[in-house]
Amino acid sequence: MGILTTLLDIATAFLRLLEAEGRILKRAVMNAGWALACIGVASLLVLAAAGFFLTGVYQYLAAQLSPAAASLLVSLLAFLLALIFAGIAKWRTADPK
């Protein structure tokens, strides 16, 4: 009877360990997923910002009108959003140690 109880205690402890490791793995996978999503959004925003910036510079130099200034402001906004998303990605993946 003592051996059976000991084996059951070991099996129970092992299953509890597996459960705890599973929760840690789930948290790590979720952090990686959020980081990839934020990096993807930041990448798209950087591409959009570069496009708006180049369009703004071209329009500003070509026409000297206010639509170019608006394009420059939109590109700066896109850069700002990209920085925010990159910061969120870094914050979500930071090691809490």
Protein backbone atom coordinates (compact mmCIF):
# COMPACT_ATOMS: atom_id res chain seq x y z
CA MET A 1 0.00 0.00 0.00
CA GLY A 2 2.87 2.41 0.76
CA ILE A 3 4.48 1.91 -2.65
CA LEU A 4 1.19 2.59 -4.46
CA THR A 5 0.64 5.78 -2.46
CA THR A 6 4.18 6.92 -3.20
CA LEU A 7 3.75 6.24 -6.92
CA LEU A 8 0.45 8.14 -6.96
CA ASP A 9 2.07 11.07 -5.13
CA ILE A 10 4.89 11.14 -7.68
CA ALA A 11 2.40 10.98 -10.58
CA THR A 12 0.32 13.79 -9.06
CA ALA A 13 3.39 15.97 -8.55
CA PHE A 14 4.49 15.28 -12.12
CA LEU A 15 1.08 16.25 -13.52
CA ARG A 16 1.09 19.47 -11.48
CA LEU A 17 4.53 20.26 -12.85
CA LEU A 18 3.30 19.67 -16.40
CA GLU A 19 0.36 22.00 -15.79
CA ALA A 20 2.62 24.77 -14.49
CA GLU A 21 5.02 24.38 -17.40
CA GLY A 22 2.08 24.48 -19.81
CA ARG A 23 0.94 27.82 -18.37
CA ILE A 24 4.46 29.22 -18.72
CA LEU A 25 4.64 27.98 -22.32
CA LYS A 26 1.24 29.52 -23.10
CA ARG A 27 2.38 32.88 -21.70
CA ALA A 28 5.60 32.74 -23.76
CA VAL A 29 3.71 31.88 -26.94
CA MET A 30 1.23 34.71 -26.36
CA ASN A 31 4.07 37.18 -25.78
CA ALA A 32 5.75 36.06 -28.98
CA GLY A 33 2.48 36.36 -30.88
CA TRP A 34 1.87 39.90 -29.63
CA ALA A 35 5.44 40.85 -30.50
CA LEU A 36 5.10 39.51 -34.03
CA ALA A 37 1.78 41.30 -34.50
CA CYS A 38 3.18 44.62 -33.26
CA ILE A 39 6.31 44.24 -35.36
CA GLY A 40 4.14 43.55 -38.41
CA VAL A 41 2.03 46.65 -37.78
CA ALA A 42 5.16 48.72 -37.15
CA SER A 43 6.68 47.48 -40.40
CA LEU A 44 3.59 48.45 -42.37
CA LEU A 45 3.49 51.87 -40.72
CA VAL A 46 7.15 52.49 -41.49
CA LEU A 47 6.52 51.66 -45.14
CA ALA A 48 3.50 53.95 -45.20
CA ALA A 49 5.47 56.69 -43.45
CA ALA A 50 8.28 56.44 -45.95
CA GLY A 51 5.80 56.68 -48.81
CA PHE A 52 4.03 59.69 -47.31
CA PHE A 53 7.33 61.36 -46.52
CA LEU A 54 8.65 60.97 -50.05
CA THR A 55 5.35 62.11 -51.51
CA GLY A 56 5.35 65.09 -49.18
CA VAL A 57 8.89 66.10 -50.05
CA TYR A 58 8.12 65.79 -53.74
CA GLN A 59 4.92 67.80 -53.51
CA TYR A 60 6.53 70.41 -51.29
CA LEU A 61 9.43 70.93 -53.61
CA ALA A 62 7.30 70.76 -56.75
CA ALA A 63 4.38 72.95 -55.81
CA GLN A 64 5.19 74.74 -52.53
CA LEU A 65 1.58 74.23 -51.38
CA SER A 66 -0.10 73.18 -48.16
CA PRO A 67 -1.10 69.66 -49.30
CA ALA A 68 2.58 68.81 -49.11
CA ALA A 69 2.74 70.01 -45.53
CA ALA A 70 -0.24 67.80 -44.79
CA SER A 71 1.59 64.84 -46.32
CA LEU A 72 4.62 65.58 -44.18
CA LEU A 73 2.45 65.71 -41.07
CA VAL A 74 0.80 62.43 -42.01
CA SER A 75 4.20 60.81 -42.51
CA LEU A 76 5.39 62.07 -39.13
CA LEU A 77 2.23 60.66 -37.58
CA ALA A 78 2.88 57.29 -39.23
CA PHE A 79 6.46 57.31 -37.92
CA LEU A 80 5.16 58.14 -34.46
CA LEU A 81 2.67 55.28 -34.61
CA ALA A 82 5.40 52.91 -35.78
CA LEU A 83 7.54 53.92 -32.82
CA ILE A 84 4.63 53.38 -30.46
CA PHE A 85 3.95 49.89 -31.84
CA ALA A 86 7.65 49.01 -31.71
CA GLY A 87 7.73 50.20 -28.10
CA ILE A 88 4.70 48.06 -27.29
CA ALA A 89 6.40 45.06 -28.90
CA LYS A 90 9.53 45.66 -26.86
CA TRP A 91 7.50 46.14 -23.68
CA ARG A 92 5.47 42.96 -24.27
CA THR A 93 8.60 40.87 -24.84
CA ALA A 94 10.71 42.36 -22.05
CA ASP A 95 12.09 39.83 -19.60
CA PRO A 96 10.61 40.59 -16.16
CA LYS A 97 13.81 39.60 -14.36
